[in-house]
Amino acid sequence: MRLSGWDVLSIVLLAGMAFLILIFSIIFINPYVMINPYPPPTPVPTLFVPSPTATLRALPTIARTSPFEVPTATPRPLRPTSTLPPTATGFRLPTFTPTPTRTSTPTNTRTPTNTPTFTVPPTYTSTPVTPSPTPVTPTEPVSTIYPPSP
């Protein structure tokens, strides 16, 4: 099997990528390394500045009769408290009791309205409509039949 130019170029590029990954990981771990082209600035050491707060004075030592005598605390009797000891409190949790509840079912009810309804005459008829010989008088005022235009 013969290596072509593309195979050699692929091997070179893979080796270059591995080298760059190595360099970037070294710079990531230690940014102050010499190969870093943009190292962070060196940190300024912290200065010890004396505090403007006055130093508190220490209490004088207590003179003892014997240097080997260690003071011991005398046990005091405990005072009674007003807290009662815990006791078992009896209680019962309520249980679920299924009870039927009567609910009314809503029914559809027609609500009367005073809105006039208009009937549109049919437009496609086989015979022409002839006008009636007697005039028709409206039973309602004209303003309720034909609402005023805006």
Protein backbone atom coordinates (compact mmCIF):
# COMPACT_ATOMS: atom_id res chain seq x y z
CA MET A 1 0.00 0.00 0.00
CA ARG A 2 1.37 3.32 -1.05
CA LEU A 3 0.90 6.51 1.02
CA SER A 4 -0.46 9.40 -0.94
CA GLY A 5 0.18 13.07 -0.31
CA TRP A 6 -3.19 13.44 1.43
CA ASP A 7 -2.35 10.66 3.89
CA VAL A 8 0.92 12.33 4.83
CA LEU A 9 -0.82 15.70 5.21
CA SER A 10 -3.45 14.11 7.49
CA ILE A 11 -0.76 12.58 9.70
CA VAL A 12 1.06 15.93 9.94
CA LEU A 13 -2.16 17.76 10.85
CA LEU A 14 -3.08 15.18 13.53
CA ALA A 15 0.40 15.50 15.07
CA GLY A 16 0.11 19.31 15.00
CA MET A 17 -3.30 19.19 16.71
CA ALA A 18 -1.91 16.91 19.44
CA PHE A 19 1.02 19.32 19.93
CA LEU A 20 -1.34 22.34 20.21
CA ILE A 21 -3.56 20.51 22.70
CA LEU A 22 -0.47 19.79 24.80
CA ILE A 23 0.67 23.45 24.69
CA PHE A 24 -2.79 24.80 25.57
CA SER A 25 -3.17 22.38 28.48
CA ILE A 26 0.26 23.37 29.87
CA ILE A 27 -0.68 27.08 29.67
CA PHE A 28 -4.09 26.33 31.26
CA ILE A 29 -2.49 24.50 34.20
CA ASN A 30 0.26 27.10 34.81
CA PRO A 31 -0.34 30.50 33.18
CA TYR A 32 3.08 31.78 34.35
CA VAL A 33 4.95 29.25 32.18
CA MET A 34 7.57 30.66 29.81
CA ILE A 35 5.79 29.58 26.59
CA ASN A 36 2.67 31.65 27.38
CA PRO A 37 2.66 34.65 24.99
CA TYR A 38 0.28 36.63 27.26
CA PRO A 39 1.16 35.79 30.87
CA PRO A 40 -0.91 37.42 33.60
CA PRO A 41 0.73 40.25 35.51
CA THR A 42 2.71 39.22 38.55
CA PRO A 43 0.64 39.70 41.68
CA VAL A 44 1.58 42.55 43.96
CA PRO A 45 2.60 41.31 47.40
CA THR A 46 0.29 42.37 50.18
CA LEU A 47 1.73 44.98 52.48
CA PHE A 48 1.41 44.84 56.23
CA VAL A 49 0.02 48.17 57.31
CA PRO A 50 -0.26 48.81 61.04
CA SER A 51 -3.84 49.09 62.17
CA PRO A 52 -5.08 52.49 63.42
CA THR A 53 -7.01 50.65 66.15
CA ALA A 54 -5.44 50.84 69.57
CA THR A 55 -4.12 47.58 71.00
CA LEU A 56 -6.16 46.48 74.00
CA ARG A 57 -4.33 46.17 77.26
CA ALA A 58 -4.15 42.81 78.96
CA LEU A 59 -5.52 42.23 82.45
CA PRO A 60 -2.99 41.77 85.23
CA THR A 61 -2.24 38.25 86.36
CA ILE A 62 -3.83 37.01 89.61
CA ALA A 63 -1.44 36.23 92.44
CA ARG A 64 -1.94 32.73 93.81
CA THR A 65 -0.85 31.28 97.06
CA SER A 66 0.81 28.31 95.42
CA PRO A 67 2.12 28.15 91.86
CA PHE A 68 0.90 24.56 91.52
CA GLU A 69 -2.62 25.17 92.78
CA VAL A 70 -5.17 25.00 90.00
CA PRO A 71 -8.54 26.59 90.72
CA THR A 72 -11.49 24.24 90.31
CA ALA A 73 -15.07 25.17 89.73
CA THR A 74 -17.42 24.33 92.56
CA PRO A 75 -20.52 22.59 91.26
CA ARG A 76 -23.68 24.55 91.91
CA PRO A 77 -26.99 22.79 92.37
CA LEU A 78 -29.29 23.08 89.40
CA ARG A 79 -32.34 25.26 89.85
CA PRO A 80 -35.70 23.78 88.95
CA THR A 81 -37.22 24.98 85.71
CA SER A 82 -40.81 25.53 84.77
CA THR A 83 -40.58 23.36 81.65
CA LEU A 84 -42.65 20.20 81.99
CA PRO A 85 -41.33 16.92 80.70
CA PRO A 86 -42.77 15.76 77.39
CA THR A 87 -45.85 13.58 77.56
CA ALA A 88 -47.77 11.60 74.99
CA THR A 89 -50.63 13.66 73.61
CA GLY A 90 -53.53 11.63 72.32
CA PHE A 91 -55.23 12.80 69.17
CA ARG A 92 -57.11 11.29 66.26
CA LEU A 93 -56.75 12.21 62.64
CA PRO A 94 -60.02 12.79 60.85
CA THR A 95 -60.98 10.07 58.38
CA PHE A 96 -62.53 10.57 54.98
CA THR A 97 -66.27 9.94 54.97
CA PRO A 98 -67.83 9.94 51.50
CA THR A 99 -71.16 11.76 51.64
CA PRO A 100 -73.28 12.41 48.58
CA THR A 101 -73.82 16.07 47.87
CA ARG A 102 -76.83 17.31 45.95
CA THR A 103 -75.95 19.76 43.23
CA SER A 104 -78.42 21.30 40.88
CA THR A 105 -77.86 20.76 37.19
CA PRO A 106 -78.13 23.97 35.16
CA THR A 107 -80.75 23.96 32.43
CA ASN A 108 -80.87 26.00 29.24
CA THR A 109 -83.43 28.76 29.53
CA ARG A 110 -84.33 31.14 26.76
CA THR A 111 -84.01 34.76 27.70
CA PRO A 112 -86.50 37.05 25.94
CA THR A 113 -84.91 40.00 24.16
CA ASN A 114 -86.34 43.11 22.56
CA THR A 115 -84.03 42.93 19.57
CA PRO A 116 -85.95 42.88 16.28
CA THR A 117 -84.98 40.20 13.82
CA PHE A 118 -84.87 40.83 10.10
CA THR A 119 -85.67 38.23 7.52
CA VAL A 120 -83.67 38.45 4.33
CA PRO A 121 -85.76 37.63 1.23
CA PRO A 122 -84.40 34.92 -1.04
CA THR A 123 -82.41 36.23 -3.99
CA TYR A 124 -82.64 33.36 -6.47
CA THR A 125 -86.24 32.71 -7.41
CA SER A 126 -87.66 31.21 -10.52
CA THR A 127 -90.65 33.57 -10.71
CA PRO A 128 -90.48 37.30 -10.15
CA VAL A 129 -92.04 38.65 -7.00
CA THR A 130 -95.02 40.83 -7.71
CA PRO A 131 -95.80 43.74 -5.41
CA SER A 132 -98.86 43.36 -3.33
CA PRO A 133 -101.76 45.64 -4.25
CA THR A 134 -102.50 46.71 -0.69
CA PRO A 135 -100.01 48.85 1.22
CA VAL A 136 -98.47 47.27 4.34
CA THR A 137 -98.45 49.40 7.44
CA PRO A 138 -95.69 48.76 9.96
CA THR A 139 -96.78 47.67 13.42
CA GLU A 140 -93.68 49.09 15.09
CA PRO A 141 -92.09 52.53 14.78
CA VAL A 142 -89.54 52.89 12.00
CA SER A 143 -86.71 53.62 14.46
CA THR A 144 -86.95 50.14 16.01
CA ILE A 145 -87.15 48.34 12.68
CA TYR A 146 -84.28 50.21 11.10
CA PRO A 147 -81.67 51.22 13.66
CA PRO A 148 -80.09 54.63 13.10
CA SER A 149 -76.88 54.53 11.11
CA PRO A 150 -73.73 55.63 12.92
